[in-house]
Structures are given as structure tokens and as C-alpha cells.
Protein backbone atom coordinates (compact mmCIF):
# COMPACT_ATOMS: atom_id res chain seq x y z
CA MET A 1 -6.72 5.95 20.44
CA LEU A 2 -3.72 5.31 22.63
CA ILE A 3 -1.08 7.96 23.24
CA LYS A 4 2.13 7.92 25.27
CA CYS A 5 2.25 9.54 28.67
CA SER A 6 4.84 12.34 28.74
CA GLU A 7 5.96 11.31 32.24
CA CYS A 8 6.19 7.51 32.29
CA GLY A 9 5.98 6.72 28.55
CA LYS A 10 3.23 4.11 28.94
CA GLU A 11 0.23 4.03 26.61
CA VAL A 12 -2.84 5.89 27.82
CA SER A 13 -6.26 6.45 26.26
CA ASP A 14 -6.67 9.86 24.66
CA GLN A 15 -9.95 10.12 26.58
CA ALA A 16 -8.20 9.95 29.98
CA SER A 17 -7.56 13.13 31.95
CA THR A 18 -4.68 11.59 33.92
CA CYS A 19 -2.31 8.68 33.37
CA PRO A 20 -3.54 5.60 35.26
CA ASN A 21 0.09 4.45 35.76
CA CYS A 22 1.77 7.56 37.19
CA GLY A 23 -1.12 10.01 37.68
CA ALA A 24 0.37 12.71 35.44
CA PRO A 25 -2.22 14.93 33.76
CA ILE A 26 -2.77 14.29 30.05
CA LYS A 27 -2.59 17.58 28.20
CA GLU A 28 -4.74 18.44 25.21
CA ASP A 29 -1.58 19.43 23.28
CA GLU A 30 -0.11 15.95 23.71
CA ILE A 31 -3.27 14.37 22.31
CA LYS A 32 -3.23 16.65 19.26
CA LYS A 33 0.49 15.99 18.72
CA GLU A 34 -0.01 12.20 18.81
CA ILE A 35 -2.98 12.40 16.41
CA LYS A 36 -1.00 14.56 13.95
CA ALA A 37 1.89 12.07 14.06
CA GLY A 38 -0.54 9.25 13.21
CA ILE A 39 -1.95 11.24 10.29
CA LYS A 40 1.56 11.94 8.94
CA ILE A 41 2.37 8.23 9.01
CA SER A 42 -0.90 7.45 7.22
CA LYS A 43 -0.16 10.04 4.51
CA LYS A 44 3.36 8.70 3.99
CA LEU A 45 2.03 5.14 3.71
CA ALA A 46 -0.62 6.24 1.19
CA ILE A 47 2.00 8.03 -0.93
CA ILE A 48 4.28 4.97 -0.87
CA LEU A 49 1.39 2.70 -1.91
CA ILE A 50 0.39 5.02 -4.77
CA ILE A 51 3.98 5.15 -6.04
CA ALA A 52 4.33 1.36 -5.80
CA LEU A 53 1.06 0.71 -7.63
CA SER A 54 1.97 3.23 -10.32
CA PHE A 55 5.32 1.50 -10.81
CA ILE A 56 3.62 -1.91 -11.12
CA ILE A 57 1.11 -0.57 -13.68
CA ILE A 58 3.86 1.10 -15.73
CA CYS A 59 5.93 -2.12 -15.68
CA ALA A 60 2.90 -4.12 -16.83
CA PHE A 61 2.36 -1.79 -19.81
CA ILE A 62 6.05 -1.91 -20.74
CA PHE A 63 6.09 -5.70 -20.43
CA GLY A 64 2.98 -6.01 -22.60
CA TYR A 65 4.32 -3.61 -25.22
CA PHE A 66 7.74 -5.18 -25.71
CA ILE A 67 6.78 -8.86 -25.75
CA PRO A 68 6.04 -9.75 -29.36
CA ALA A 69 2.88 -11.62 -30.19
CA HIS A 70 3.38 -14.69 -32.35
CA THR A 71 0.97 -15.99 -34.95
CA TYR A 72 1.53 -19.53 -36.09
CA VAL A 73 -0.05 -21.27 -39.08
CA THR A 74 -0.84 -24.93 -38.49
CA LYS A 75 -2.95 -27.58 -40.11
CA ASP A 76 -5.96 -29.01 -38.36
CA SER A 77 -7.16 -32.61 -38.65
CA ASN A 78 -9.11 -31.78 -41.86
CA GLY A 79 -6.03 -30.40 -43.60
CA ASN A 80 -7.17 -26.76 -43.33
CA TYR A 81 -4.70 -24.06 -42.40
CA VAL A 82 -5.49 -22.40 -39.09
CA GLU A 83 -3.83 -19.29 -37.64
CA GLU A 84 -3.04 -19.62 -33.99
CA PHE A 85 -2.09 -16.73 -31.73
CA ARG A 86 0.35 -17.44 -28.89
CA LEU A 87 2.01 -14.97 -26.58
CA PHE A 88 4.94 -17.32 -25.97
CA LYS A 89 6.40 -20.00 -28.21
């Protein structure tokens, strides 16, 4: 995982002990701080996705509940009456 160097701001591997650009030592605290920030972003994204999917599912149920189903009676080629179900006209 890449983290930002506290001295020069360039991206550095979290496995490095020093920054290859400026030579500043990479502290263990900085690595933990960067990892926690990534986890917070992941949690926020997961919450947003769950809320969005819940909204879509609720809208689908509401849409399905309020659209009336129509049953039409028609004659077939033999003159028999046939009931036909259509969601839309």
C-alpha cells in the first residue's frame, strides 16, 4: 500500500523504512494513520452503497404495488373468450 511521505508528500510504500525521494524516515504511526484513513473511506463507501441499494429496492416495491394490473377479455380465432393479463395497456 502506498502512503504519503510526511516531508515531501510523495507516495511511498508502507514497507519502506525511509522515503526514496527525500530520505525522511517513515514512521510506524504514519503507516497506521494512512491505513485507518483508507478503512474509513471503505466503510463510508459501503454505507452509501447499502443505502442506495435499499432505496432502489424500496422504489421497486412501491412501483410494483401502485401500478395496477389489467386483465383483458378477448376472443381467439375459434371464438372462445380468453383472459389476457397485461401490466400496461
